[in-house]
N, C-alpha and C. Protein backbone atom coordinates (compact mmCIF):
# COMPACT_ATOMS: atom_id res chain seq x y z
N MET A 1 77.76 75.70 104.35
CA MET A 1 78.57 74.57 103.95
C MET A 1 80.01 75.05 103.69
N VAL A 2 80.94 74.43 104.35
CA VAL A 2 82.35 74.77 104.18
C VAL A 2 82.96 73.80 103.18
N THR A 3 83.64 74.34 102.20
CA THR A 3 84.29 73.48 101.22
C THR A 3 85.77 73.36 101.57
N GLU A 4 86.32 72.25 101.22
CA GLU A 4 87.74 72.01 101.46
C GLU A 4 88.57 72.83 100.46
N PRO A 5 89.71 73.35 100.91
CA PRO A 5 90.58 74.08 99.97
C PRO A 5 91.05 73.14 98.84
N SER A 6 91.22 73.72 97.67
CA SER A 6 91.65 72.94 96.51
C SER A 6 93.10 72.47 96.70
N PRO A 7 93.48 71.42 95.99
CA PRO A 7 94.88 70.98 96.03
C PRO A 7 95.83 72.09 95.56
N GLU A 8 95.38 72.89 94.59
CA GLU A 8 96.21 74.00 94.10
C GLU A 8 96.46 75.01 95.21
N TYR A 9 95.40 75.33 95.96
CA TYR A 9 95.54 76.27 97.08
C TYR A 9 96.53 75.71 98.10
N LEU A 10 96.39 74.45 98.44
CA LEU A 10 97.28 73.84 99.44
C LEU A 10 98.73 73.83 98.96
N ASP A 11 98.93 73.57 97.67
CA ASP A 11 100.28 73.61 97.10
C ASP A 11 100.85 75.03 97.17
N LEU A 12 100.04 76.00 96.78
CA LEU A 12 100.50 77.40 96.80
C LEU A 12 100.75 77.87 98.22
N LYS A 13 99.93 77.45 99.16
CA LYS A 13 100.10 77.79 100.57
C LYS A 13 101.47 77.30 101.05
N ALA A 14 101.84 76.08 100.69
CA ALA A 14 103.14 75.54 101.07
C ALA A 14 104.27 76.32 100.40
N ARG A 15 104.10 76.65 99.13
CA ARG A 15 105.12 77.40 98.40
C ARG A 15 105.24 78.84 98.90
N ALA A 16 104.16 79.39 99.45
CA ALA A 16 104.17 80.78 99.93
C ALA A 16 104.95 80.93 101.24
N ALA A 17 105.11 79.84 101.98
CA ALA A 17 105.86 79.92 103.24
C ALA A 17 107.27 80.42 102.95
N GLY A 18 107.68 81.46 103.66
CA GLY A 18 109.00 82.03 103.47
C GLY A 18 109.11 82.97 102.27
N SER A 19 107.98 83.28 101.63
CA SER A 19 108.00 84.21 100.49
C SER A 19 107.40 85.55 100.93
N ASN A 20 107.22 86.44 99.96
CA ASN A 20 106.58 87.73 100.24
C ASN A 20 105.06 87.62 100.33
N LEU A 21 104.52 86.45 100.09
CA LEU A 21 103.07 86.24 100.15
C LEU A 21 102.68 85.76 101.53
N ASP A 22 101.50 86.18 101.98
CA ASP A 22 100.95 85.63 103.22
C ASP A 22 100.56 84.19 102.92
N SER A 23 101.00 83.26 103.74
CA SER A 23 100.78 81.85 103.43
C SER A 23 99.34 81.40 103.64
N ASP A 24 98.50 82.21 104.27
CA ASP A 24 97.08 81.86 104.40
C ASP A 24 96.25 82.51 103.29
N THR A 25 96.48 83.80 103.06
CA THR A 25 95.66 84.50 102.07
C THR A 25 96.22 84.38 100.65
N LEU A 26 97.50 84.10 100.53
CA LEU A 26 98.22 84.05 99.25
C LEU A 26 98.32 85.42 98.59
N LEU A 27 98.14 86.48 99.37
CA LEU A 27 98.26 87.85 98.86
C LEU A 27 99.56 88.47 99.35
N ALA A 28 100.05 89.48 98.62
CA ALA A 28 101.32 90.13 98.98
C ALA A 28 101.12 91.63 99.17
N THR A 29 101.73 92.16 100.22
CA THR A 29 101.62 93.59 100.50
C THR A 29 102.34 94.44 99.46
N ASP A 30 103.24 93.86 98.69
CA ASP A 30 103.96 94.63 97.67
C ASP A 30 103.00 95.35 96.72
N TYR A 31 101.84 94.77 96.49
CA TYR A 31 100.85 95.40 95.61
C TYR A 31 100.45 96.79 96.11
N LEU A 32 100.45 96.97 97.42
CA LEU A 32 100.02 98.25 97.99
C LEU A 32 100.99 99.38 97.67
N ASN A 33 102.22 99.06 97.26
CA ASN A 33 103.18 100.10 96.89
C ASN A 33 102.65 100.96 95.74
N HIS A 34 101.87 100.35 94.88
CA HIS A 34 101.28 101.11 93.76
C HIS A 34 100.42 102.26 94.30
N PHE A 35 99.71 102.02 95.39
CA PHE A 35 98.84 103.03 95.99
C PHE A 35 99.63 103.98 96.89
N ASN A 36 100.67 103.47 97.54
CA ASN A 36 101.48 104.33 98.40
C ASN A 36 102.12 105.47 97.61
N GLU A 37 102.48 105.20 96.38
CA GLU A 37 103.07 106.22 95.51
C GLU A 37 102.12 107.40 95.32
N ILE A 38 100.85 107.11 95.04
CA ILE A 38 99.90 108.19 94.78
C ILE A 38 99.58 108.94 96.06
N VAL A 39 99.57 108.26 97.20
CA VAL A 39 99.34 108.95 98.47
C VAL A 39 100.42 110.00 98.69
N MET A 40 101.67 109.62 98.47
CA MET A 40 102.77 110.58 98.64
C MET A 40 102.62 111.77 97.71
N LEU A 41 102.25 111.50 96.46
CA LEU A 41 102.07 112.59 95.50
C LEU A 41 100.92 113.51 95.90
N LEU A 42 99.79 112.93 96.31
CA LEU A 42 98.63 113.74 96.71
C LEU A 42 98.98 114.64 97.89
N GLU A 43 99.77 114.14 98.81
CA GLU A 43 100.15 114.93 99.97
C GLU A 43 101.05 116.11 99.58
N MET A 44 101.75 116.00 98.46
CA MET A 44 102.66 117.05 98.02
C MET A 44 101.95 118.14 97.20
N VAL A 45 100.77 117.84 96.68
CA VAL A 45 100.08 118.77 95.77
C VAL A 45 99.88 120.17 96.35
N PRO A 46 99.43 120.34 97.61
CA PRO A 46 99.22 121.71 98.09
C PRO A 46 100.48 122.58 98.06
N ASP A 47 101.64 121.98 98.29
CA ASP A 47 102.89 122.74 98.29
C ASP A 47 103.55 122.79 96.92
N MET A 48 103.17 121.86 96.06
CA MET A 48 103.76 121.78 94.72
C MET A 48 102.66 121.48 93.70
N PRO A 49 101.77 122.44 93.41
CA PRO A 49 100.67 122.17 92.47
C PRO A 49 101.14 121.67 91.10
N GLU A 50 102.37 122.00 90.74
CA GLU A 50 102.88 121.56 89.44
C GLU A 50 103.04 120.04 89.36
N ILE A 51 103.02 119.38 90.51
CA ILE A 51 103.14 117.92 90.53
C ILE A 51 101.84 117.25 90.08
N MET A 52 100.80 118.05 89.89
CA MET A 52 99.49 117.52 89.51
C MET A 52 99.56 116.73 88.21
N GLU A 53 100.44 117.10 87.30
CA GLU A 53 100.57 116.33 86.05
C GLU A 53 101.01 114.91 86.35
N GLU A 54 101.93 114.76 87.28
CA GLU A 54 102.38 113.42 87.68
C GLU A 54 101.25 112.66 88.38
N VAL A 55 100.49 113.37 89.20
CA VAL A 55 99.34 112.77 89.90
C VAL A 55 98.33 112.26 88.87
N LYS A 56 98.04 113.07 87.86
CA LYS A 56 97.06 112.69 86.85
C LYS A 56 97.54 111.51 85.99
N ALA A 57 98.84 111.30 85.94
CA ALA A 57 99.38 110.19 85.15
C ALA A 57 99.19 108.84 85.85
N TRP A 58 98.94 108.87 87.17
CA TRP A 58 98.72 107.61 87.90
C TRP A 58 97.46 106.93 87.37
N GLN A 59 97.55 105.64 87.18
CA GLN A 59 96.41 104.86 86.70
C GLN A 59 96.21 103.64 87.59
N PRO A 60 94.96 103.25 87.79
CA PRO A 60 94.73 102.00 88.53
C PRO A 60 95.46 100.85 87.83
N LYS A 61 95.93 99.92 88.63
CA LYS A 61 96.64 98.77 88.08
C LYS A 61 96.20 97.54 88.86
N GLY A 62 95.77 96.53 88.14
CA GLY A 62 95.34 95.30 88.78
C GLY A 62 96.48 94.57 89.46
N TYR A 63 96.11 93.66 90.33
CA TYR A 63 97.08 92.90 91.12
C TYR A 63 98.06 92.15 90.22
N VAL A 64 97.54 91.37 89.30
CA VAL A 64 98.40 90.57 88.41
C VAL A 64 99.25 91.49 87.54
N GLU A 65 98.65 92.55 87.02
CA GLU A 65 99.38 93.51 86.19
C GLU A 65 100.53 94.14 86.98
N HIS A 66 100.28 94.47 88.25
CA HIS A 66 101.33 95.04 89.09
C HIS A 66 102.51 94.08 89.18
N PHE A 67 102.22 92.82 89.45
CA PHE A 67 103.32 91.86 89.60
C PHE A 67 103.97 91.51 88.28
N ARG A 68 103.22 91.59 87.20
CA ARG A 68 103.82 91.36 85.88
C ARG A 68 104.90 92.42 85.62
N ASP A 69 104.66 93.65 86.10
CA ASP A 69 105.61 94.75 85.91
C ASP A 69 106.65 94.83 87.02
N SER A 70 106.53 93.99 88.03
CA SER A 70 107.37 94.06 89.22
C SER A 70 108.70 93.32 89.01
N THR A 71 109.64 93.64 89.88
CA THR A 71 110.93 92.94 89.85
C THR A 71 111.16 92.11 91.11
N ILE A 72 110.15 92.00 91.99
CA ILE A 72 110.37 91.25 93.23
C ILE A 72 110.56 89.77 92.91
N ALA A 73 111.28 89.10 93.77
CA ALA A 73 111.64 87.70 93.54
C ALA A 73 110.42 86.79 93.42
N ASP A 74 109.37 87.07 94.16
CA ASP A 74 108.20 86.19 94.20
C ASP A 74 107.09 86.61 93.24
N ARG A 75 107.41 87.37 92.24
CA ARG A 75 106.37 87.90 91.35
C ARG A 75 105.60 86.81 90.62
N GLU A 76 106.27 85.78 90.14
CA GLU A 76 105.58 84.68 89.44
C GLU A 76 104.63 83.95 90.38
N LEU A 77 105.09 83.71 91.59
CA LEU A 77 104.26 83.05 92.60
C LEU A 77 103.05 83.91 92.94
N ALA A 78 103.26 85.22 93.06
CA ALA A 78 102.15 86.14 93.38
C ALA A 78 101.09 86.11 92.29
N MET A 79 101.51 86.10 91.03
CA MET A 79 100.55 86.08 89.93
C MET A 79 99.80 84.75 89.89
N GLU A 80 100.52 83.67 90.06
CA GLU A 80 99.88 82.35 90.04
C GLU A 80 98.91 82.18 91.21
N ALA A 81 99.33 82.61 92.38
CA ALA A 81 98.54 82.41 93.60
C ALA A 81 97.25 83.22 93.58
N TYR A 82 97.26 84.37 92.94
CA TYR A 82 96.09 85.25 92.97
C TYR A 82 94.82 84.54 92.48
N GLU A 83 94.97 83.70 91.50
CA GLU A 83 93.81 82.97 90.96
C GLU A 83 93.25 81.95 91.95
N HIS A 84 94.00 81.66 93.01
CA HIS A 84 93.58 80.63 93.97
C HIS A 84 93.32 81.21 95.37
N VAL A 85 93.32 82.53 95.49
CA VAL A 85 93.00 83.16 96.78
C VAL A 85 91.57 82.77 97.14
N LEU A 86 91.38 82.33 98.37
CA LEU A 86 90.04 81.92 98.80
C LEU A 86 89.08 83.10 98.75
N PRO A 87 87.83 82.85 98.36
CA PRO A 87 86.84 83.94 98.26
C PRO A 87 86.70 84.76 99.54
N VAL A 88 86.89 84.15 100.69
CA VAL A 88 86.76 84.89 101.95
C VAL A 88 87.77 86.04 102.03
N TYR A 89 88.89 85.93 101.31
CA TYR A 89 89.88 87.01 101.24
C TYR A 89 89.79 87.77 99.91
N ARG A 90 89.60 87.05 98.84
CA ARG A 90 89.62 87.66 97.51
C ARG A 90 88.51 88.69 97.33
N GLU A 91 87.30 88.35 97.77
CA GLU A 91 86.18 89.27 97.57
C GLU A 91 86.35 90.58 98.34
N PRO A 92 86.68 90.56 99.64
CA PRO A 92 86.88 91.84 100.32
C PRO A 92 88.12 92.58 99.81
N PHE A 93 89.14 91.84 99.40
CA PHE A 93 90.35 92.48 98.87
C PHE A 93 90.02 93.21 97.57
N ASP A 94 89.37 92.53 96.64
CA ASP A 94 89.02 93.16 95.36
C ASP A 94 88.07 94.34 95.58
N HIS A 95 87.15 94.20 96.52
CA HIS A 95 86.22 95.29 96.85
C HIS A 95 87.00 96.51 97.36
N THR A 96 87.95 96.28 98.23
CA THR A 96 88.75 97.37 98.79
C THR A 96 89.60 98.03 97.72
N VAL A 97 90.16 97.25 96.81
CA VAL A 97 90.95 97.81 95.71
C VAL A 97 90.07 98.68 94.82
N ARG A 98 88.84 98.24 94.55
CA ARG A 98 87.92 99.08 93.76
C ARG A 98 87.62 100.38 94.49
N GLN A 99 87.43 100.31 95.80
CA GLN A 99 87.21 101.53 96.59
C GLN A 99 88.43 102.44 96.50
N LEU A 100 89.62 101.88 96.62
CA LEU A 100 90.84 102.68 96.51
C LEU A 100 90.90 103.38 95.16
N ASP A 101 90.70 102.63 94.10
CA ASP A 101 90.74 103.22 92.76
C ASP A 101 89.73 104.36 92.63
N ASN A 102 88.51 104.15 93.10
CA ASN A 102 87.47 105.18 93.00
C ASN A 102 87.80 106.42 93.82
N VAL A 103 88.29 106.22 95.04
CA VAL A 103 88.63 107.37 95.89
C VAL A 103 89.80 108.15 95.28
N ILE A 104 90.76 107.45 94.73
CA ILE A 104 91.91 108.14 94.13
C ILE A 104 91.48 108.95 92.91
N VAL A 105 90.68 108.36 92.04
CA VAL A 105 90.20 109.08 90.86
C VAL A 105 89.40 110.31 91.28
N THR A 106 88.52 110.15 92.27
CA THR A 106 87.73 111.28 92.78
C THR A 106 88.64 112.34 93.38
N SER A 107 89.65 111.92 94.12
CA SER A 107 90.60 112.85 94.75
C SER A 107 91.31 113.70 93.71
N VAL A 108 91.78 113.05 92.67
CA VAL A 108 92.50 113.76 91.62
C VAL A 108 91.59 114.81 90.98
N GLN A 109 90.35 114.45 90.71
CA GLN A 109 89.40 115.39 90.11
C GLN A 109 89.13 116.57 91.04
N LEU A 110 88.92 116.29 92.33
CA LEU A 110 88.66 117.37 93.29
C LEU A 110 89.85 118.31 93.40
N LEU A 111 91.04 117.75 93.56
CA LEU A 111 92.22 118.60 93.72
C LEU A 111 92.47 119.44 92.48
N GLU A 112 92.22 118.87 91.33
CA GLU A 112 92.39 119.63 90.09
C GLU A 112 91.43 120.82 90.05
N ARG A 113 90.20 120.60 90.49
CA ARG A 113 89.22 121.71 90.53
C ARG A 113 89.69 122.82 91.47
N TYR A 114 90.21 122.45 92.64
CA TYR A 114 90.66 123.47 93.59
C TYR A 114 91.88 124.22 93.08
N ILE A 115 92.74 123.55 92.36
CA ILE A 115 93.89 124.23 91.75
C ILE A 115 93.39 125.23 90.71
N GLU A 116 92.49 124.78 89.84
CA GLU A 116 91.95 125.66 88.79
C GLU A 116 91.23 126.86 89.38
N ALA A 117 90.55 126.66 90.52
CA ALA A 117 89.81 127.75 91.18
C ALA A 117 90.73 128.63 92.02
N GLY A 118 91.98 128.21 92.19
CA GLY A 118 92.91 128.98 93.01
C GLY A 118 92.57 128.93 94.49
N ASP A 119 91.87 127.90 94.92
CA ASP A 119 91.42 127.78 96.31
C ASP A 119 92.44 126.94 97.10
N GLN A 120 93.50 127.60 97.54
CA GLN A 120 94.59 126.94 98.25
C GLN A 120 94.13 126.31 99.55
N SER A 121 93.22 126.97 100.25
CA SER A 121 92.73 126.45 101.53
C SER A 121 92.01 125.11 101.34
N MET A 122 91.08 125.06 100.39
CA MET A 122 90.36 123.81 100.14
C MET A 122 91.28 122.75 99.54
N LEU A 123 92.23 123.18 98.73
CA LEU A 123 93.19 122.25 98.15
C LEU A 123 93.94 121.53 99.27
N ARG A 124 94.45 122.30 100.22
CA ARG A 124 95.21 121.72 101.33
C ARG A 124 94.32 120.81 102.18
N GLU A 125 93.13 121.30 102.50
CA GLU A 125 92.22 120.52 103.34
C GLU A 125 91.83 119.20 102.67
N GLN A 126 91.43 119.27 101.41
CA GLN A 126 91.00 118.07 100.72
C GLN A 126 92.15 117.11 100.44
N ALA A 127 93.33 117.62 100.17
CA ALA A 127 94.49 116.74 99.98
C ALA A 127 94.74 115.94 101.25
N THR A 128 94.60 116.59 102.39
CA THR A 128 94.79 115.91 103.68
C THR A 128 93.69 114.88 103.92
N VAL A 129 92.44 115.30 103.72
CA VAL A 129 91.29 114.40 103.95
C VAL A 129 91.39 113.18 103.03
N MET A 130 91.65 113.42 101.75
CA MET A 130 91.67 112.31 100.80
C MET A 130 92.87 111.39 101.04
N SER A 131 94.00 111.95 101.40
CA SER A 131 95.17 111.11 101.71
C SER A 131 94.88 110.21 102.90
N ARG A 132 94.21 110.76 103.90
CA ARG A 132 93.86 109.96 105.08
C ARG A 132 92.87 108.86 104.72
N MET A 133 91.89 109.19 103.88
CA MET A 133 90.91 108.19 103.45
C MET A 133 91.60 107.06 102.70
N ILE A 134 92.48 107.42 101.79
CA ILE A 134 93.20 106.40 101.03
C ILE A 134 94.05 105.56 101.98
N GLN A 135 94.68 106.20 102.96
CA GLN A 135 95.50 105.45 103.91
C GLN A 135 94.65 104.47 104.72
N ARG A 136 93.44 104.88 105.10
CA ARG A 136 92.55 103.97 105.82
C ARG A 136 92.19 102.77 104.95
N LEU A 137 91.93 103.01 103.69
CA LEU A 137 91.64 101.91 102.78
C LEU A 137 92.86 101.01 102.59
N LEU A 138 94.04 101.62 102.54
CA LEU A 138 95.27 100.82 102.45
C LEU A 138 95.46 99.97 103.70
N ASP A 139 95.13 100.53 104.85
CA ASP A 139 95.21 99.75 106.09
C ASP A 139 94.24 98.57 106.05
N THR A 140 93.05 98.82 105.51
CA THR A 140 92.06 97.75 105.36
C THR A 140 92.60 96.67 104.42
N ALA A 141 93.14 97.08 103.28
CA ALA A 141 93.70 96.12 102.32
C ALA A 141 94.84 95.33 102.94
N SER A 142 95.69 96.00 103.69
CA SER A 142 96.80 95.32 104.36
C SER A 142 96.28 94.30 105.36
N GLY A 143 95.25 94.68 106.09
CA GLY A 143 94.64 93.75 107.04
C GLY A 143 94.12 92.51 106.34
N ILE A 144 93.47 92.70 105.20
CA ILE A 144 92.95 91.56 104.43
C ILE A 144 94.10 90.68 103.95
N ILE A 145 95.16 91.30 103.48
CA ILE A 145 96.33 90.54 103.03
C ILE A 145 96.85 89.66 104.16
N HIS A 146 96.72 90.13 105.38
CA HIS A 146 97.21 89.38 106.55
C HIS A 146 96.11 88.59 107.26
N GLY A 147 94.95 88.43 106.60
CA GLY A 147 93.95 87.51 107.13
C GLY A 147 92.65 88.09 107.62
N ALA A 148 92.50 89.41 107.66
CA ALA A 148 91.22 90.00 108.06
C ALA A 148 90.26 89.93 106.87
N THR A 149 88.98 90.06 107.15
CA THR A 149 88.00 89.99 106.05
C THR A 149 87.07 91.20 106.03
N LYS A 150 87.28 92.18 106.92
CA LYS A 150 86.41 93.35 107.00
C LYS A 150 86.84 94.41 106.00
N THR A 151 85.85 95.05 105.37
CA THR A 151 86.11 96.15 104.45
C THR A 151 85.54 97.43 105.05
N MET A 152 85.85 98.57 104.43
CA MET A 152 85.26 99.84 104.85
C MET A 152 83.88 99.96 104.24
N ASP A 153 82.98 100.56 104.98
CA ASP A 153 81.62 100.78 104.51
C ASP A 153 81.60 101.91 103.49
N GLN A 154 80.94 101.69 102.36
CA GLN A 154 80.89 102.70 101.29
C GLN A 154 80.25 104.00 101.77
N GLU A 155 79.26 103.91 102.65
CA GLU A 155 78.63 105.13 103.19
C GLU A 155 79.63 105.99 103.92
N GLU A 156 80.51 105.36 104.68
CA GLU A 156 81.54 106.09 105.41
C GLU A 156 82.46 106.83 104.43
N ILE A 157 82.84 106.17 103.36
CA ILE A 157 83.68 106.80 102.35
C ILE A 157 82.95 107.96 101.69
N ASP A 158 81.70 107.74 101.30
CA ASP A 158 80.91 108.79 100.66
C ASP A 158 80.75 110.01 101.56
N THR A 159 80.53 109.79 102.85
CA THR A 159 80.37 110.89 103.80
C THR A 159 81.64 111.71 103.90
N ILE A 160 82.78 111.04 103.97
CA ILE A 160 84.06 111.75 104.07
C ILE A 160 84.33 112.54 102.80
N ILE A 161 84.06 111.95 101.65
CA ILE A 161 84.30 112.64 100.38
C ILE A 161 83.40 113.86 100.25
N ALA A 162 82.17 113.76 100.73
CA ALA A 162 81.19 114.85 100.58
C ALA A 162 81.48 116.04 101.49
N THR A 163 82.31 115.85 102.52
CA THR A 163 82.56 116.97 103.44
C THR A 163 83.61 117.91 102.92
């Protein structure tokens, strides 16, 4: 059974036209900048292990919280619209964000262990593997923001992390 979009969704869809939000999903790619920052830091760790303190300071941040702290022009619209994102987009998006948060937390723990063990080879290898995994999840999230509904399979993520 297909339900009709709510009047609020239709209003937000019209208001999203010409904004930083996708007018169908009501999501904004600006949120992904929070994750892009940690990817850049993780990639730098093998050459600059001292940056690990900055890496460890990164914390997951929810969509609304990100926009509350943001300075982009459409931040109020992004926060309001999030509550009305259709489940066909919201559920895979939230699922992908949880995967991102989990992979990043796991990555930080792994890299810290390799630094403590003085294992430069594994540090470099895992920083590369984990950065690529996070980037794939970011690509998935970006696709959802632009209307896709497919997520990454958790088994695939677990397999990559275990190698």
